[in-house]
Amino acid sequence: MGPDGITPADGNAGPAPVADAHSAGPLLSLRDASKSFGAVQAIVRGSIDLCGGEAHALVGENGAGKSTLVKILAGVYQPDTGSLFIDGSPVLLHGPADAQAAGIAVIYQEPTLFLT
């Protein structure tokens, strides 16, 4: 029976409900990550959850740690502290190839691709 109380002629109740992307938890999580370069603390206890079907924007001033966070997610950098999780399981990415093998892809900003 459909939501309107009428059973379709073919006996089908309609399409199956679609699972909410958040119901299964984040696909990729970074928890309490810190990263320093010498005396410069690029990220201090940074965390992010990325779920399927979402779009995110990282916004901030130059030097705020946006690129560092993305490079940690992409396996370019390893955090000094904190943990990275894929589907809830902790992982160590030893390089971009590990991230790609885990299904993580990053498209870096390249302003020289467009004429100004």
PDB file of N, CA and C in Angstrom:
ATOM      1  N   MET A   1       0.846  -1.166   0.000  1.00  0.00           N
ATOM      2  CA  MET A   1       0.000   0.000   0.000  1.00  0.00           C
ATOM      3  C   MET A   1       0.893   1.231   0.000  1.00  0.00           C
ATOM      4  N   GLY A   2       0.571   2.182  -0.812  1.00  0.00           N
ATOM      5  CA  GLY A   2       1.346   3.414  -0.913  1.00  0.00           C
ATOM      6  C   GLY A   2       1.021   4.360   0.228  1.00  0.00           C
ATOM      7  N   PRO A   3       1.732   5.497   0.323  1.00  0.00           N
ATOM      8  CA  PRO A   3       1.510   6.444   1.412  1.00  0.00           C
ATOM      9  C   PRO A   3       0.125   7.071   1.373  1.00  0.00           C
ATOM     10  N   ASP A   4      -0.524   7.012   0.209  1.00  0.00           N
ATOM     11  CA  ASP A   4      -1.865   7.588   0.096  1.00  0.00           C
ATOM     12  C   ASP A   4      -2.950   6.571   0.436  1.00  0.00           C
ATOM     13  N   GLY A   5      -2.555   5.348   0.853  1.00  0.00           N
ATOM     14  CA  GLY A   5      -3.513   4.323   1.223  1.00  0.00           C
ATOM     15  C   GLY A   5      -4.009   3.497   0.050  1.00  0.00           C
ATOM     16  N   ILE A   6      -3.475   3.758  -1.147  1.00  0.00           N
ATOM     17  CA  ILE A   6      -3.903   3.039  -2.343  1.00  0.00           C
ATOM     18  C   ILE A   6      -2.808   2.063  -2.743  1.00  0.00           C
ATOM     19  N   THR A   7      -3.195   0.819  -3.012  1.00  0.00           N
ATOM     20  CA  THR A   7      -2.239  -0.176  -3.476  1.00  0.00           C
ATOM     21  C   THR A   7      -2.115  -0.056  -4.987  1.00  0.00           C
ATOM     22  N   PRO A   8      -0.889   0.156  -5.509  1.00  0.00           N
ATOM     23  CA  PRO A   8      -0.717   0.237  -6.964  1.00  0.00           C
ATOM     24  C   PRO A   8      -1.170  -1.053  -7.642  1.00  0.00           C
ATOM     25  N   ALA A   9      -1.520  -0.947  -8.908  1.00  0.00           N
ATOM     26  CA  ALA A   9      -2.033  -2.092  -9.665  1.00  0.00           C
ATOM     27  C   ALA A   9      -1.041  -3.240  -9.699  1.00  0.00           C
ATOM     28  N   ASP A  10       0.269  -2.943  -9.700  1.00  0.00           N
ATOM     29  CA  ASP A  10       1.262  -4.015  -9.768  1.00  0.00           C
ATOM     30  C   ASP A  10       1.586  -4.580  -8.385  1.00  0.00           C
ATOM     31  N   GLY A  11       0.949  -4.071  -7.335  1.00  0.00           N
ATOM     32  CA  GLY A  11       1.178  -4.578  -5.986  1.00  0.00           C
ATOM     33  C   GLY A  11       2.437  -4.034  -5.340  1.00  0.00           C
ATOM     34  N   ASN A  12       3.154  -3.204  -6.038  1.00  0.00           N
ATOM     35  CA  ASN A  12       4.391  -2.625  -5.531  1.00  0.00           C
ATOM     36  C   ASN A  12       4.066  -1.408  -4.679  1.00  0.00           C
ATOM     37  N   ALA A  13       4.682  -1.293  -3.531  1.00  0.00           N
ATOM     38  CA  ALA A  13       4.413  -0.173  -2.636  1.00  0.00           C
ATOM     39  C   ALA A  13       5.217   1.065  -3.001  1.00  0.00           C
ATOM     40  N   GLY A  14       5.983   1.026  -4.060  1.00  0.00           N
ATOM     41  CA  GLY A  14       6.779   2.181  -4.463  1.00  0.00           C
ATOM     42  C   GLY A  14       8.250   1.965  -4.157  1.00  0.00           C
ATOM     43  N   PRO A  15       9.051   3.007  -4.371  1.00  0.00           N
ATOM     44  CA  PRO A  15      10.502   2.864  -4.177  1.00  0.00           C
ATOM     45  C   PRO A  15      10.855   2.682  -2.714  1.00  0.00           C
ATOM     46  N   ALA A  16      11.942   1.949  -2.518  1.00  0.00           N
ATOM     47  CA  ALA A  16      12.444   1.736  -1.158  1.00  0.00           C
ATOM     48  C   ALA A  16      12.991   3.049  -0.619  1.00  0.00           C
ATOM     49  N   PRO A  17      12.879   3.286   0.685  1.00  0.00           N
ATOM     50  CA  PRO A  17      13.410   4.525   1.247  1.00  0.00           C
ATOM     51  C   PRO A  17      14.924   4.573   1.094  1.00  0.00           C
ATOM     52  N   VAL A  18      15.441   5.767   0.870  1.00  0.00           N
ATOM     53  CA  VAL A  18      16.879   5.973   0.720  1.00  0.00           C
ATOM     54  C   VAL A  18      17.456   6.244   2.096  1.00  0.00           C
ATOM     55  N   ALA A  19      18.556   5.558   2.426  1.00  0.00           N
ATOM     56  CA  ALA A  19      19.199   5.738   3.726  1.00  0.00           C
ATOM     57  C   ALA A  19      19.829   7.119   3.801  1.00  0.00           C
ATOM     58  N   ASP A  20      19.721   7.744   4.941  1.00  0.00           N
ATOM     59  CA  ASP A  20      20.341   9.035   5.190  1.00  0.00           C
ATOM     60  C   ASP A  20      21.858   8.837   5.240  1.00  0.00           C
ATOM     61  N   ALA A  21      22.612   9.726   4.569  1.00  0.00           N
ATOM     62  CA  ALA A  21      24.070   9.608   4.529  1.00  0.00           C
ATOM     63  C   ALA A  21      24.681   9.654   5.927  1.00  0.00           C
ATOM     64  N   HIS A  22      24.027  10.327   6.880  1.00  0.00           N
ATOM     65  CA  HIS A  22      24.570  10.441   8.224  1.00  0.00           C
ATOM     66  C   HIS A  22      24.268   9.213   9.086  1.00  0.00           C
ATOM     67  N   SER A  23      23.285   8.402   8.681  1.00  0.00           N
ATOM     68  CA  SER A  23      22.880   7.280   9.523  1.00  0.00           C
ATOM     69  C   SER A  23      23.996   6.253   9.682  1.00  0.00           C
ATOM     70  N   ALA A  24      24.835   6.107   8.689  1.00  0.00           N
ATOM     71  CA  ALA A  24      25.934   5.142   8.761  1.00  0.00           C
ATOM     72  C   ALA A  24      27.181   5.762   9.378  1.00  0.00           C
ATOM     73  N   GLY A  25      27.171   7.043   9.653  1.00  0.00           N
ATOM     74  CA  GLY A  25      28.332   7.733  10.203  1.00  0.00           C
ATOM     75  C   GLY A  25      29.206   8.278   9.101  1.00  0.00           C
ATOM     76  N   PRO A  26      30.197   9.060   9.471  1.00  0.00           N
ATOM     77  CA  PRO A  26      31.070   9.673   8.480  1.00  0.00           C
ATOM     78  C   PRO A  26      31.913   8.639   7.729  1.00  0.00           C
ATOM     79  N   LEU A  27      32.160   8.914   6.459  1.00  0.00           N
ATOM     80  CA  LEU A  27      33.057   8.065   5.675  1.00  0.00           C
ATOM     81  C   LEU A  27      34.511   8.348   6.026  1.00  0.00           C
ATOM     82  N   LEU A  28      34.794   9.612   6.322  1.00  0.00           N
ATOM     83  CA  LEU A  28      36.156  10.040   6.623  1.00  0.00           C
ATOM     84  C   LEU A  28      36.099  11.017   7.790  1.00  0.00           C
ATOM     85  N   SER A  29      36.898  10.773   8.812  1.00  0.00           N
ATOM     86  CA  SER A  29      36.931  11.641   9.996  1.00  0.00           C
ATOM     87  C   SER A  29      38.370  11.928  10.393  1.00  0.00           C
ATOM     88  N   LEU A  30      38.589  13.146  10.785  1.00  0.00           N
ATOM     89  CA  LEU A  30      39.860  13.543  11.380  1.00  0.00           C
ATOM     90  C   LEU A  30      39.525  14.062  12.768  1.00  0.00           C
ATOM     91  N   ARG A  31      40.202  13.555  13.784  1.00  0.00           N
ATOM     92  CA  ARG A  31      39.897  13.883  15.179  1.00  0.00           C
ATOM     93  C   ARG A  31      41.112  14.449  15.888  1.00  0.00           C
ATOM     94  N   ASP A  32      40.963  15.673  16.402  1.00  0.00           N
ATOM     95  CA  ASP A  32      41.967  16.316  17.264  1.00  0.00           C
ATOM     96  C   ASP A  32      43.363  16.303  16.649  1.00  0.00           C
ATOM     97  N   ALA A  33      43.441  16.590  15.374  1.00  0.00           N
ATOM     98  CA  ALA A  33      44.731  16.562  14.684  1.00  0.00           C
ATOM     99  C   ALA A  33      45.495  17.864  14.899  1.00  0.00           C
ATOM    100  N   SER A  34      46.775  17.724  15.117  1.00  0.00           N
ATOM    101  CA  SER A  34      47.683  18.866  15.203  1.00  0.00           C
ATOM    102  C   SER A  34      48.839  18.622  14.247  1.00  0.00           C
ATOM    103  N   LYS A  35      49.339  19.714  13.668  1.00  0.00           N
ATOM    104  CA  LYS A  35      50.478  19.621  12.755  1.00  0.00           C
ATOM    105  C   LYS A  35      51.291  20.898  12.881  1.00  0.00           C
ATOM    106  N   SER A  36      52.579  20.726  13.133  1.00  0.00           N
ATOM    107  CA  SER A  36      53.491  21.862  13.242  1.00  0.00           C
ATOM    108  C   SER A  36      54.615  21.721  12.235  1.00  0.00           C
ATOM    109  N   PHE A  37      55.102  22.856  11.820  1.00  0.00           N
ATOM    110  CA  PHE A  37      56.281  22.934  10.961  1.00  0.00           C
ATOM    111  C   PHE A  37      57.260  23.824  11.707  1.00  0.00           C
ATOM    112  N   GLY A  38      58.186  23.202  12.419  1.00  0.00           N
ATOM    113  CA  GLY A  38      59.077  23.976  13.280  1.00  0.00           C
ATOM    114  C   GLY A  38      58.265  24.640  14.374  1.00  0.00           C
ATOM    115  N   ALA A  39      58.415  25.939  14.531  1.00  0.00           N
ATOM    116  CA  ALA A  39      57.686  26.680  15.566  1.00  0.00           C
ATOM    117  C   ALA A  39      56.272  27.069  15.126  1.00  0.00           C
ATOM    118  N   VAL A  40      55.949  26.862  13.864  1.00  0.00           N
ATOM    119  CA  VAL A  40      54.632  27.256  13.341  1.00  0.00           C
ATOM    120  C   VAL A  40      53.633  26.128  13.543  1.00  0.00           C
ATOM    121  N   GLN A  41      52.577  26.407  14.282  1.00  0.00           N
ATOM    122  CA  GLN A  41      51.496  25.441  14.485  1.00  0.00           C
ATOM    123  C   GLN A  41      50.443  25.680  13.403  1.00  0.00           C
ATOM    124  N   ALA A  42      50.441  24.829  12.391  1.00  0.00           N
ATOM    125  CA  ALA A  42      49.510  25.000  11.270  1.00  0.00           C
ATOM    126  C   ALA A  42      48.094  24.586  11.647  1.00  0.00           C
ATOM    127  N   ILE A  43      47.955  23.519  12.435  1.00  0.00           N
ATOM    128  CA  ILE A  43      46.652  23.039  12.910  1.00  0.00           C
ATOM    129  C   ILE A  43      46.807  22.648  14.373  1.00  0.00           C
ATOM    130  N   VAL A  44      45.840  23.056  15.179  1.00  0.00           N
ATOM    131  CA  VAL A  44      45.816  22.699  16.592  1.00  0.00           C
ATOM    132  C   VAL A  44      44.462  22.069  16.900  1.00  0.00           C
ATOM    133  N   ARG A  45      44.463  20.775  17.173  1.00  0.00           N
ATOM    134  CA  ARG A  45      43.258  20.004  17.533  1.00  0.00           C
ATOM    135  C   ARG A  45      42.130  20.182  16.515  1.00  0.00           C
ATOM    136  N   GLY A  46      42.458  20.045  15.253  1.00  0.00           N
ATOM    137  CA  GLY A  46      41.461  20.165  14.190  1.00  0.00           C
ATOM    138  C   GLY A  46      40.687  18.870  14.000  1.00  0.00           C
ATOM    139  N   SER A  47      39.384  18.998  13.765  1.00  0.00           N
ATOM    140  CA  SER A  47      38.527  17.833  13.540  1.00  0.00           C
ATOM    141  C   SER A  47      37.556  18.138  12.404  1.00  0.00           C
ATOM    142  N   ILE A  48      37.218  17.096  11.627  1.00  0.00           N
ATOM    143  CA  ILE A  48      36.228  17.224  10.568  1.00  0.00           C
ATOM    144  C   ILE A  48      35.625  15.851  10.306  1.00  0.00           C
ATOM    145  N   ASP A  49      34.334  15.831   9.990  1.00  0.00           N
ATOM    146  CA  ASP A  49      33.635  14.617   9.578  1.00  0.00           C
ATOM    147  C   ASP A  49      33.124  14.833   8.163  1.00  0.00           C
ATOM    148  N   LEU A  50      33.366  13.875   7.283  1.00  0.00           N
ATOM    149  CA  LEU A  50      32.899  13.943   5.906  1.00  0.00           C
ATOM    150  C   LEU A  50      32.002  12.748   5.634  1.00  0.00           C
ATOM    151  N   CYS A  51      30.747  13.033   5.291  1.00  0.00           N
ATOM    152  CA  CYS A  51      29.764  11.988   5.006  1.00  0.00           C
ATOM    153  C   CYS A  51      29.469  11.954   3.517  1.00  0.00           C
ATOM    154  N   GLY A  52      28.998  10.818   3.040  1.00  0.00           N
ATOM    155  CA  GLY A  52      28.640  10.677   1.640  1.00  0.00           C
ATOM    156  C   GLY A  52      27.555  11.661   1.234  1.00  0.00           C
ATOM    157  N   GLY A  53      27.649  12.182   0.026  1.00  0.00           N
ATOM    158  CA  GLY A  53      26.631  13.070  -0.507  1.00  0.00           C
ATOM    159  C   GLY A  53      26.733  14.501  -0.027  1.00  0.00           C
ATOM    160  N   GLU A  54      27.796  14.845   0.657  1.00  0.00           N
ATOM    161  CA  GLU A  54      27.966  16.201   1.167  1.00  0.00           C
ATOM    162  C   GLU A  54      29.006  16.961   0.360  1.00  0.00           C
ATOM    163  N   ALA A  55      28.908  18.271   0.417  1.00  0.00           N
ATOM    164  CA  ALA A  55      29.928  19.153  -0.132  1.00  0.00           C
ATOM    165  C   ALA A  55      30.384  20.058   1.005  1.00  0.00           C
ATOM    166  N   HIS A  56      31.680  20.268   1.111  1.00  0.00           N
ATOM    167  CA  HIS A  56      32.226  21.116   2.169  1.00  0.00           C
ATOM    168  C   HIS A  56      33.085  22.199   1.555  1.00  0.00           C
ATOM    169  N   ALA A  57      33.198  23.302   2.259  1.00  0.00           N
ATOM    170  CA  ALA A  57      34.105  24.381   1.875  1.00  0.00           C
ATOM    171  C   ALA A  57      34.980  24.695   3.074  1.00  0.00           C
ATOM    172  N   LEU A  58      36.257  24.826   2.851  1.00  0.00           N
ATOM    173  CA  LEU A  58      37.180  25.269   3.890  1.00  0.00           C
ATOM    174  C   LEU A  58      37.462  26.736   3.635  1.00  0.00           C
ATOM    175  N   VAL A  59      37.103  27.553   4.592  1.00  0.00           N
ATOM    176  CA  VAL A  59      37.219  28.997   4.432  1.00  0.00           C
ATOM    177  C   VAL A  59      38.061  29.548   5.560  1.00  0.00           C
ATOM    178  N   GLY A  60      38.965  30.432   5.229  1.00  0.00           N
ATOM    179  CA  GLY A  60      39.771  31.071   6.258  1.00  0.00           C
ATOM    180  C   GLY A  60      40.869  31.898   5.632  1.00  0.00           C
ATOM    181  N   GLU A  61      41.521  32.651   6.474  1.00  0.00           N
ATOM    182  CA  GLU A  61      42.601  33.506   6.004  1.00  0.00           C
ATOM    183  C   GLU A  61      43.811  32.674   5.593  1.00  0.00           C
ATOM    184  N   ASN A  62      44.717  33.297   4.859  1.00  0.00           N
ATOM    185  CA  ASN A  62      45.975  32.640   4.528  1.00  0.00           C
ATOM    186  C   ASN A  62      46.668  32.253   5.829  1.00  0.00           C
ATOM    187  N   GLY A  63      47.180  31.041   5.868  1.00  0.00           N
ATOM    188  CA  GLY A  63      47.878  30.560   7.057  1.00  0.00           C
ATOM    189  C   GLY A  63      46.965  29.944   8.101  1.00  0.00           C
ATOM    190  N   ALA A  64      45.674  29.798   7.798  1.00  0.00           N
ATOM    191  CA  ALA A  64      44.731  29.251   8.777  1.00  0.00           C
ATOM    192  C   ALA A  64      44.821  27.731   8.905  1.00  0.00           C
ATOM    193  N   GLY A  65      45.500  27.056   7.979  1.00  0.00           N
ATOM    194  CA  GLY A  65      45.663  25.606   8.063  1.00  0.00           C
ATOM    195  C   GLY A  65      44.788  24.817   7.110  1.00  0.00           C
ATOM    196  N   LYS A  66      44.111  25.485   6.196  1.00  0.00           N
ATOM    197  CA  LYS A  66      43.215  24.791   5.255  1.00  0.00           C
ATOM    198  C   LYS A  66      43.967  23.774   4.407  1.00  0.00           C
ATOM    199  N   SER A  67      45.028  24.188   3.790  1.00  0.00           N
ATOM    200  CA  SER A  67      45.793  23.281   2.921  1.00  0.00           C
ATOM    201  C   SER A  67      46.434  22.159   3.726  1.00  0.00           C
ATOM    202  N   THR A  68      46.884  22.454   4.924  1.00  0.00           N
ATOM    203  CA  THR A  68      47.487  21.428   5.774  1.00  0.00           C
ATOM    204  C   THR A  68      46.460  20.359   6.116  1.00  0.00           C
ATOM    205  N   LEU A  69      45.244  20.774   6.451  1.00  0.00           N
ATOM    206  CA  LEU A  69      44.182  19.808   6.775  1.00  0.00           C
ATOM    207  C   LEU A  69      43.899  18.911   5.573  1.00  0.00           C
ATOM    208  N   VAL A  70      43.773  19.495   4.403  1.00  0.00           N
ATOM    209  CA  VAL A  70      43.496  18.709   3.196  1.00  0.00           C
ATOM    210  C   VAL A  70      44.656  17.758   2.905  1.00  0.00           C
ATOM    211  N   LYS A  71      45.865  18.210   3.098  1.00  0.00           N
ATOM    212  CA  LYS A  71      47.030  17.354   2.841  1.00  0.00           C
ATOM    213  C   LYS A  71      47.126  16.208   3.844  1.00  0.00           C
ATOM    214  N   ILE A  72      46.633  16.402   5.064  1.00  0.00           N
ATOM    215  CA  ILE A  72      46.561  15.293   6.019  1.00  0.00           C
ATOM    216  C   ILE A  72      45.546  14.270   5.520  1.00  0.00           C
ATOM    217  N   LEU A  73      44.379  14.742   5.081  1.00  0.00           N
ATOM    218  CA  LEU A  73      43.357  13.833   4.558  1.00  0.00           C
ATOM    219  C   LEU A  73      43.843  13.091   3.317  1.00  0.00           C
ATOM    220  N   ALA A  74      44.705  13.730   2.541  1.00  0.00           N
ATOM    221  CA  ALA A  74      45.211  13.141   1.300  1.00  0.00           C
ATOM    222  C   ALA A  74      46.468  12.304   1.494  1.00  0.00           C
ATOM    223  N   GLY A  75      46.961  12.200   2.733  1.00  0.00           N
ATOM    224  CA  GLY A  75      48.138  11.384   2.995  1.00  0.00           C
ATOM    225  C   GLY A  75      49.458  12.046   2.694  1.00  0.00           C
ATOM    226  N   VAL A  76      49.437  13.317   2.298  1.00  0.00           N
ATOM    227  CA  VAL A  76      50.678  14.036   2.006  1.00  0.00           C
ATOM    228  C   VAL A  76      51.438  14.285   3.306  1.00  0.00           C
ATOM    229  N   TYR A  77      50.708  14.705   4.339  1.00  0.00           N
ATOM    230  CA  TYR A  77      51.281  14.905   5.670  1.00  0.00           C
ATOM    231  C   TYR A  77      50.635  13.918   6.631  1.00  0.00           C
ATOM    232  N   GLN A  78      51.393  13.538   7.660  1.00  0.00           N
ATOM    233  CA  GLN A  78      50.848  12.769   8.762  1.00  0.00           C
ATOM    234  C   GLN A  78      50.680  13.747   9.926  1.00  0.00           C
ATOM    235  N   PRO A  79      49.565  13.669  10.640  1.00  0.00           N
ATOM    236  CA  PRO A  79      49.399  14.586  11.771  1.00  0.00           C
ATOM    237  C   PRO A  79      50.392  14.256  12.881  1.00  0.00           C
ATOM    238  N   ASP A  80      50.833  15.290  13.603  1.00  0.00           N
ATOM    239  CA  ASP A  80      51.711  15.071  14.759  1.00  0.00           C
ATOM    240  C   ASP A  80      50.930  14.400  15.882  1.00  0.00           C
ATOM    241  N   THR A  81      49.675  14.784  16.032  1.00  0.00           N
ATOM    242  CA  THR A  81      48.769  14.164  17.001  1.00  0.00           C
ATOM    243  C   THR A  81      47.414  14.009  16.330  1.00  0.00           C
ATOM    244  N   GLY A  82      46.565  13.203  16.922  1.00  0.00           N
ATOM    245  CA  GLY A  82      45.221  13.013  16.395  1.00  0.00           C
ATOM    246  C   GLY A  82      45.102  11.728  15.608  1.00  0.00           C
ATOM    247  N   SER A  83      43.884  11.481  15.131  1.00  0.00           N
ATOM    248  CA  SER A  83      43.593  10.226  14.432  1.00  0.00           C
ATOM    249  C   SER A  83      42.752  10.471  13.200  1.00  0.00           C
ATOM    250  N   LEU A  84      42.965   9.618  12.209  1.00  0.00           N
ATOM    251  CA  LEU A  84      42.197   9.630  10.970  1.00  0.00           C
ATOM    252  C   LEU A  84      41.418   8.322  10.909  1.00  0.00           C
ATOM    253  N   PHE A  85      40.137   8.418  10.540  1.00  0.00           N
ATOM    254  CA  PHE A  85      39.271   7.247  10.472  1.00  0.00           C
ATOM    255  C   PHE A  85      38.616   7.164   9.108  1.00  0.00           C
ATOM    256  N   ILE A  86      38.562   5.965   8.545  1.00  0.00           N
ATOM    257  CA  ILE A  86      37.805   5.694   7.326  1.00  0.00           C
ATOM    258  C   ILE A  86      36.741   4.679   7.705  1.00  0.00           C
ATOM    259  N   ASP A  87      35.489   5.042   7.479  1.00  0.00           N
ATOM    260  CA  ASP A  87      34.351   4.200   7.868  1.00  0.00           C
ATOM    261  C   ASP A  87      34.439   3.762   9.329  1.00  0.00           C
ATOM    262  N   GLY A  88      34.919   4.648  10.191  1.00  0.00           N
ATOM    263  CA  GLY A  88      34.985   4.369  11.622  1.00  0.00           C
ATOM    264  C   GLY A  88      36.205   3.605  12.084  1.00  0.00           C
ATOM    265  N   SER A  89      37.040   3.153  11.151  1.00  0.00           N
ATOM    266  CA  SER A  89      38.246   2.399  11.522  1.00  0.00           C
ATOM    267  C   SER A  89      39.474   3.299  11.433  1.00  0.00           C
ATOM    268  N   PRO A  90      40.341   3.271  12.431  1.00  0.00           N
ATOM    269  CA  PRO A  90      41.539   4.111  12.389  1.00  0.00           C
ATOM    270  C   PRO A  90      42.479   3.669  11.270  1.00  0.00           C
ATOM    271  N   VAL A  91      43.072   4.650  10.598  1.00  0.00           N
ATOM    272  CA  VAL A  91      44.019   4.360   9.523  1.00  0.00           C
ATOM    273  C   VAL A  91      45.240   5.260   9.651  1.00  0.00           C
ATOM    274  N   LEU A  92      46.350   4.776   9.118  1.00  0.00           N
ATOM    275  CA  LEU A  92      47.558   5.573   8.958  1.00  0.00           C
ATOM    276  C   LEU A  92      47.837   5.652   7.464  1.00  0.00           C
ATOM    277  N   LEU A  93      47.859   6.846   6.944  1.00  0.00           N
ATOM    278  CA  LEU A  93      48.167   7.035   5.523  1.00  0.00           C
ATOM    279  C   LEU A  93      49.631   7.447   5.428  1.00  0.00           C
ATOM    280  N   HIS A  94      50.435   6.607   4.797  1.00  0.00           N
ATOM    281  CA  HIS A  94      51.861   6.873   4.697  1.00  0.00           C
ATOM    282  C   HIS A  94      52.230   7.639   3.439  1.00  0.00           C
ATOM    283  N   GLY A  95      51.238   8.019   2.662  1.00  0.00           N
ATOM    284  CA  GLY A  95      51.477   8.796   1.458  1.00  0.00           C
ATOM    285  C   GLY A  95      50.210   8.904   0.634  1.00  0.00           C
ATOM    286  N   PRO A  96      50.249   9.708  -0.406  1.00  0.00           N
ATOM    287  CA  PRO A  96      49.081   9.877  -1.265  1.00  0.00           C
ATOM    288  C   PRO A  96      48.596   8.574  -1.908  1.00  0.00           C
ATOM    289  N   ALA A  97      49.496   7.652  -2.184  1.00  0.00           N
ATOM    290  CA  ALA A  97      49.081   6.371  -2.770  1.00  0.00           C
ATOM    291  C   ALA A  97      48.195   5.592  -1.800  1.00  0.00           C
ATOM    292  N   ASP A  98      48.496   5.653  -0.502  1.00  0.00           N
ATOM    293  CA  ASP A  98      47.645   5.008   0.504  1.00  0.00           C
ATOM    294  C   ASP A  98      46.259   5.639   0.521  1.00  0.00           C
ATOM    295  N   ALA A  99      46.212   6.962   0.447  1.00  0.00           N
ATOM    296  CA  ALA A  99      44.924   7.661   0.435  1.00  0.00           C
ATOM    297  C   ALA A  99      44.118   7.284  -0.798  1.00  0.00           C
ATOM    298  N   GLN A 100      44.766   7.260  -1.947  1.00  0.00           N
ATOM    299  CA  GLN A 100      44.068   6.891  -3.183  1.00  0.00           C
ATOM    300  C   GLN A 100      43.564   5.459  -3.115  1.00  0.00           C
ATOM    301  N   ALA A 101      44.369   4.559  -2.575  1.00  0.00           N
ATOM    302  CA  ALA A 101      43.938   3.164  -2.443  1.00  0.00           C
ATOM    303  C   ALA A 101      42.731   3.038  -1.517  1.00  0.00           C
ATOM    304  N   ALA A 102      42.604   3.975  -0.564  1.00  0.00           N
ATOM    305  CA  ALA A 102      41.478   3.976   0.368  1.00  0.00           C
ATOM    306  C   ALA A 102      40.270   4.713  -0.200  1.00  0.00           C
ATOM    307  N   GLY A 103      40.400   5.239  -1.429  1.00  0.00           N
ATOM    308  CA  GLY A 103      39.277   5.929  -2.073  1.00  0.00           C
ATOM    309  C   GLY A 103      39.234   7.420  -1.828  1.00  0.00           C
ATOM    310  N   ILE A 104      40.327   7.993  -1.333  1.00  0.00           N
ATOM    311  CA  ILE A 104      40.380   9.436  -1.078  1.00  0.00           C
ATOM    312  C   ILE A 104      41.059  10.117  -2.262  1.00  0.00           C
ATOM    313  N   ALA A 105      40.376  11.099  -2.826  1.00  0.00           N
ATOM    314  CA  ALA A 105      40.932  11.865  -3.935  1.00  0.00           C
ATOM    315  C   ALA A 105      40.822  13.347  -3.619  1.00  0.00           C
ATOM    316  N   VAL A 106      41.837  14.095  -3.958  1.00  0.00           N
ATOM    317  CA  VAL A 106      41.851  15.536  -3.717  1.00  0.00           C
ATOM    318  C   VAL A 106      42.147  16.227  -5.042  1.00  0.00           C
ATOM    319  N   ILE A 107      41.383  17.260  -5.317  1.00  0.00           N
ATOM    320  CA  ILE A 107      41.651  18.115  -6.472  1.00  0.00           C
ATOM    321  C   ILE A 107      42.140  19.434  -5.912  1.00  0.00           C
ATOM    322  N   TYR A 108      43.414  19.719  -6.114  1.00  0.00           N
ATOM    323  CA  TYR A 108      44.009  20.910  -5.531  1.00  0.00           C
ATOM    324  C   TYR A 108      43.672  22.139  -6.352  1.00  0.00           C
ATOM    325  N   GLN A 109      43.569  23.256  -5.655  1.00  0.00           N
ATOM    326  CA  GLN A 109      43.326  24.547  -6.304  1.00  0.00           C
ATOM    327  C   GLN A 109      44.544  24.892  -7.139  1.00  0.00           C
ATOM    328  N   GLU A 110      44.307  25.279  -8.366  1.00  0.00           N
ATOM    329  CA  GLU A 110      45.401  25.698  -9.235  1.00  0.00           C
ATOM    330  C   GLU A 110      44.956  26.933 -10.005  1.00  0.00           C
ATOM    331  N   PRO A 111      45.229  28.125  -9.467  1.00  0.00           N
ATOM    332  CA  PRO A 111      44.739  29.354 -10.107  1.00  0.00           C
ATOM    333  C   PRO A 111      45.316  29.605 -11.485  1.00  0.00           C
ATOM    334  N   THR A 112      46.455  29.003 -11.827  1.00  0.00           N
ATOM    335  CA  THR A 112      47.046  29.272 -13.141  1.00  0.00           C
ATOM    336  C   THR A 112      46.292  28.556 -14.266  1.00  0.00           C
ATOM    337  N   LEU A 113      45.295  27.721 -13.935  1.00  0.00           N
ATOM    338  CA  LEU A 113      44.511  27.059 -14.961  1.00  0.00           C
ATOM    339  C   LEU A 113      43.557  28.025 -15.667  1.00  0.00           C
ATOM    340  N   PHE A 114      43.288  29.149 -15.044  1.00  0.00           N
ATOM    341  CA  PHE A 114      42.309  30.097 -15.578  1.00  0.00           C
ATOM    342  C   PHE A 114      42.980  31.432 -15.818  1.00  0.00           C
ATOM    343  N   LEU A 115      42.687  32.022 -16.951  1.00  0.00           N
ATOM    344  CA  LEU A 115      43.219  33.338 -17.268  1.00  0.00           C
ATOM    345  C   LEU A 115      42.488  34.380 -16.436  1.00  0.00           C
ATOM    346  N   THR A 116      43.235  35.390 -15.957  1.00  0.00           N
ATOM    347  CA  THR A 116      42.595  36.458 -15.174  1.00  0.00           C
ATOM    348  C   THR A 116      42.524  37.730 -15.950  1.00  0.00           C
TER     349      THR A 116
END
